[in-house]
C-alpha atoms as a PDB file:
ATOM      1  CA  MET A   1      30.527 -37.773 -18.139  1.00  0.00           C
ATOM      2  CA  PRO A   2      34.231 -37.162 -18.787  1.00  0.00           C
ATOM      3  CA  PHE A   3      36.357 -37.776 -15.743  1.00  0.00           C
ATOM      4  CA  ALA A   4      39.824 -36.448 -15.033  1.00  0.00           C
ATOM      5  CA  VAL A   5      42.186 -37.043 -12.160  1.00  0.00           C
ATOM      6  CA  ASP A   6      45.337 -34.976 -11.845  1.00  0.00           C
ATOM      7  CA  ALA A   7      48.514 -36.707 -10.765  1.00  0.00           C
ATOM      8  CA  PRO A   8      49.535 -36.146  -7.161  1.00  0.00           C
ATOM      9  CA  GLU A   9      52.184 -33.565  -6.418  1.00  0.00           C
ATOM     10  CA  VAL A  10      55.519 -35.097  -5.481  1.00  0.00           C
ATOM     11  CA  SER A  11      56.626 -34.411  -1.934  1.00  0.00           C
ATOM     12  CA  GLY A  12      60.075 -34.508  -0.407  1.00  0.00           C
ATOM     13  CA  SER A  13      61.470 -37.345   1.650  1.00  0.00           C
ATOM     14  CA  GLU A  14      59.080 -39.597   3.492  1.00  0.00           C
ATOM     15  CA  SER A  15      59.584 -40.634   7.079  1.00  0.00           C
ATOM     16  CA  SER A  16      58.324 -43.694   8.873  1.00  0.00           C
ATOM     17  CA  ASP A  17      56.321 -41.344  11.171  1.00  0.00           C
ATOM     18  CA  ALA A  18      54.265 -40.001   8.234  1.00  0.00           C
ATOM     19  CA  PRO A  19      50.600 -41.032   7.947  1.00  0.00           C
ATOM     20  CA  ALA A  20      49.961 -43.882   5.498  1.00  0.00           C
ATOM     21  CA  CYS A  21      47.788 -41.557   3.393  1.00  0.00           C
ATOM     22  CA  THR A  22      49.453 -38.234   2.628  1.00  0.00           C
ATOM     23  CA  TRP A  23      47.070 -36.715   0.117  1.00  0.00           C
ATOM     24  CA  VAL A  24      43.743 -34.909  -0.119  1.00  0.00           C
ATOM     25  CA  GLU A  25      41.439 -34.422  -3.088  1.00  0.00           C
ATOM     26  CA  VAL A  26      39.524 -31.438  -4.411  1.00  0.00           C
ATOM     27  CA  ALA A  27      36.487 -32.218  -6.594  1.00  0.00           C
ATOM     28  CA  TYR A  28      34.437 -30.003  -8.899  1.00  0.00           C
ATOM     29  CA  ALA A  29      31.896 -31.105 -11.478  1.00  0.00           C
ATOM     30  CA  THR A  30      29.664 -29.645 -14.139  1.00  0.00           C
ATOM     31  CA  PRO A  31      26.970 -31.594 -15.989  1.00  0.00           C
ATOM     32  CA  GLU A  32      29.574 -32.224 -18.716  1.00  0.00           C
ATOM     33  CA  CYS A  33      32.797 -32.838 -16.812  1.00  0.00           C
ATOM     34  CA  GLN A  34      34.198 -33.797 -13.420  1.00  0.00           C
ATOM     35  CA  ARG A  35      37.712 -33.098 -12.174  1.00  0.00           C
ATOM     36  CA  ILE A  36      39.371 -34.460  -9.070  1.00  0.00           C
ATOM     37  CA  VAL A  37      42.698 -32.881  -8.196  1.00  0.00           C
ATOM     38  CA  THR A  38      44.978 -34.768  -5.821  1.00  0.00           C
ATOM     39  CA  LEU A  39      47.192 -32.647  -3.581  1.00  0.00           C
ATOM     40  CA  VAL A  40      49.890 -33.528  -1.090  1.00  0.00           C
ATOM     41  CA  TRP A  41      48.482 -33.201   2.425  1.00  0.00           C
ATOM     42  CA  ALA A  42      50.277 -31.009   4.926  1.00  0.00           C
ATOM     43  CA  PRO A  43      49.311 -30.320   8.538  1.00  0.00           C
ATOM     44  CA  GLY A  44      47.274 -27.125   8.756  1.00  0.00           C
ATOM     45  CA  LEU A  45      45.980 -27.283   5.166  1.00  0.00           C
ATOM     46  CA  THR A  46      42.436 -25.901   5.223  1.00  0.00           C
ATOM     47  CA  ALA A  47      39.591 -26.805   2.896  1.00  0.00           C
ATOM     48  CA  ARG A  48      39.587 -23.330   1.311  1.00  0.00           C
ATOM     49  CA  ALA A  49      43.377 -23.343   0.836  1.00  0.00           C
ATOM     50  CA  ALA A  50      43.197 -26.751  -0.862  1.00  0.00           C
ATOM     51  CA  VAL A  51      40.552 -25.468  -3.304  1.00  0.00           C
ATOM     52  CA  ILE A  52      42.690 -22.456  -4.188  1.00  0.00           C
ATOM     53  CA  ARG A  53      45.804 -24.653  -4.545  1.00  0.00           C
ATOM     54  CA  ALA A  54      43.914 -27.064  -6.858  1.00  0.00           C
ATOM     55  CA  ASN A  55      43.842 -24.339  -9.555  1.00  0.00           C
ATOM     56  CA  LEU A  56      40.398 -25.286 -10.863  1.00  0.00           C
ATOM     57  CA  THR A  57      40.227 -22.055 -12.887  1.00  0.00           C
ATOM     58  CA  ALA A  58      42.736 -23.584 -15.311  1.00  0.00           C
ATOM     59  CA  HIS A  59      40.233 -26.348 -16.143  1.00  0.00           C
ATOM     60  CA  PHE A  60      36.870 -24.568 -15.939  1.00  0.00           C
ATOM     61  CA  ALA A  61      36.515 -21.269 -17.802  1.00  0.00           C
ATOM     62  CA  GLU A  62      33.357 -20.344 -15.874  1.00  0.00           C
ATOM     63  CA  LEU A  63      35.234 -20.250 -12.550  1.00  0.00           C
ATOM     64  CA  ASP A  64      37.228 -17.360 -11.165  1.00  0.00           C
ATOM     65  CA  ASP A  65      39.373 -17.016  -8.072  1.00  0.00           C
ATOM     66  CA  ALA A  66      36.980 -14.538  -6.450  1.00  0.00           C
ATOM     67  CA  TRP A  67      34.087 -17.032  -6.638  1.00  0.00           C
ATOM     68  CA  LEU A  68      36.257 -19.909  -5.393  1.00  0.00           C
ATOM     69  CA  ALA A  69      37.320 -17.768  -2.427  1.00  0.00           C
ATOM     70  CA  SER A  70      33.714 -17.813  -1.178  1.00  0.00           C
ATOM     71  CA  ALA A  71      32.132 -20.851  -2.871  1.00  0.00           C
ATOM     72  CA  PRO A  72      30.285 -23.324  -0.647  1.00  0.00           C
ATOM     73  CA  LEU A  73      32.443 -26.349   0.185  1.00  0.00           C
ATOM     74  CA  GLY A  74      31.872 -29.740   1.729  1.00  0.00           C
ATOM     75  CA  ILE A  75      33.720 -32.876   2.674  1.00  0.00           C
ATOM     76  CA  PHE A  76      32.260 -36.164   1.462  1.00  0.00           C
ATOM     77  CA  GLY A  77      28.825 -34.589   0.956  1.00  0.00           C
ATOM     78  CA  GLU A  78      28.597 -32.656   4.227  1.00  0.00           C
ATOM     79  CA  ARG A  79      28.632 -28.884   3.861  1.00  0.00           C
ATOM     80  CA  LEU A  80      31.291 -26.981   5.803  1.00  0.00           C
ATOM     81  CA  GLU A  81      30.193 -23.944   7.792  1.00  0.00           C
ATOM     82  CA  ALA A  82      33.722 -22.493   8.097  1.00  0.00           C
ATOM     83  CA  PRO A  83      35.925 -23.919   5.298  1.00  0.00           C
ATOM     84  CA  GLU A  84      38.631 -21.325   5.981  1.00  0.00           C
ATOM     85  CA  GLN A  85      39.093 -22.820   9.446  1.00  0.00           C
ATOM     86  CA  ARG A  86      38.498 -26.518   8.755  1.00  0.00           C
ATOM     87  CA  GLU A  87      41.855 -28.275   8.652  1.00  0.00           C
ATOM     88  CA  LEU A  88      41.861 -31.308   6.398  1.00  0.00           C
ATOM     89  CA  LEU A  89      42.802 -34.801   7.427  1.00  0.00           C
ATOM     90  CA  PRO A  90      44.779 -37.094   5.108  1.00  0.00           C
ATOM     91  CA  GLY A  91      42.540 -38.787   2.542  1.00  0.00           C
ATOM     92  CA  GLU A  92      39.644 -36.316   2.720  1.00  0.00           C
ATOM     93  CA  ARG A  93      37.915 -35.024  -0.415  1.00  0.00           C
ATOM     94  CA  VAL A  94      36.826 -31.379  -0.563  1.00  0.00           C
ATOM     95  CA  GLU A  95      33.871 -30.755  -2.869  1.00  0.00           C
ATOM     96  CA  VAL A  96      33.123 -27.375  -4.444  1.00  0.00           C
ATOM     97  CA  TYR A  97      29.356 -26.907  -4.681  1.00  0.00           C
ATOM     98  CA  ARG A  98      27.805 -25.065  -7.619  1.00  0.00           C
ATOM     99  CA  PRO A  99      24.649 -22.993  -7.258  1.00  0.00           C
ATOM    100  CA  LEU A 100      21.441 -24.720  -8.338  1.00  0.00           C
ATOM    101  CA  GLN A 101      20.439 -23.923 -11.907  1.00  0.00           C
ATOM    102  CA  LEU A 102      16.756 -24.039 -10.981  1.00  0.00           C
ATOM    103  CA  ASP A 103      15.097 -23.872  -7.596  1.00  0.00           C
ATOM    104  CA  PRO A 104      13.520 -27.304  -6.880  1.00  0.00           C
ATOM    105  CA  LYS A 105      10.256 -25.710  -5.697  1.00  0.00           C
ATOM    106  CA  GLN A 106      10.038 -23.644  -8.872  1.00  0.00           C
ATOM    107  CA  ALA A 107      10.722 -26.728 -11.004  1.00  0.00           C
ATOM    108  CA  ARG A 108       7.862 -28.562  -9.249  1.00  0.00           C
ATOM    109  CA  ARG A 109       5.502 -25.635  -9.892  1.00  0.00           C
ATOM    110  CA  GLU A 110       6.443 -25.577 -13.566  1.00  0.00           C
ATOM    111  CA  ARG A 111       5.875 -29.329 -13.948  1.00  0.00           C
ATOM    112  CA  ALA A 112       2.501 -29.030 -12.233  1.00  0.00           C
ATOM    113  CA  ALA A 113       1.497 -26.164 -14.518  1.00  0.00           C
ATOM    114  CA  ARG A 114       2.283 -28.279 -17.606  1.00  0.00           C
ATOM    115  CA  ARG A 115       0.117 -31.223 -16.468  1.00  0.00           C
ATOM    116  CA  PRO A 116      -3.399 -31.399 -17.803  1.00  0.00           C
ATOM    117  CA  PRO A 117      -6.097 -30.712 -15.183  1.00  0.00           C
ATOM    118  CA  ARG A 118      -7.731 -33.762 -13.592  1.00  0.00           C
END
């Protein structure tokens, strides 16, 4: 699977009061490609805002801003119920979840139908 990581955005001056980690990541993957975009963290940055700022539509033709504005999101594998309100912490990775291509129950039924009877 191809893998791409965008370079972090450059921020202004750094102070000694700043957290040691001052970035967040946004991840999106298809079966063919994965992209992780690194963004500069700022207090108040929400999960949804980070996804919009990551500009994933420039890398994945199948995405559009309208879908990204309501796509399911998670942080390190845990789905967010209110990504518009969830403020990110430095070092967190926001994941954009794609819809399932095939319902797992339907896939099981189809496999069972293809098996020879016992």
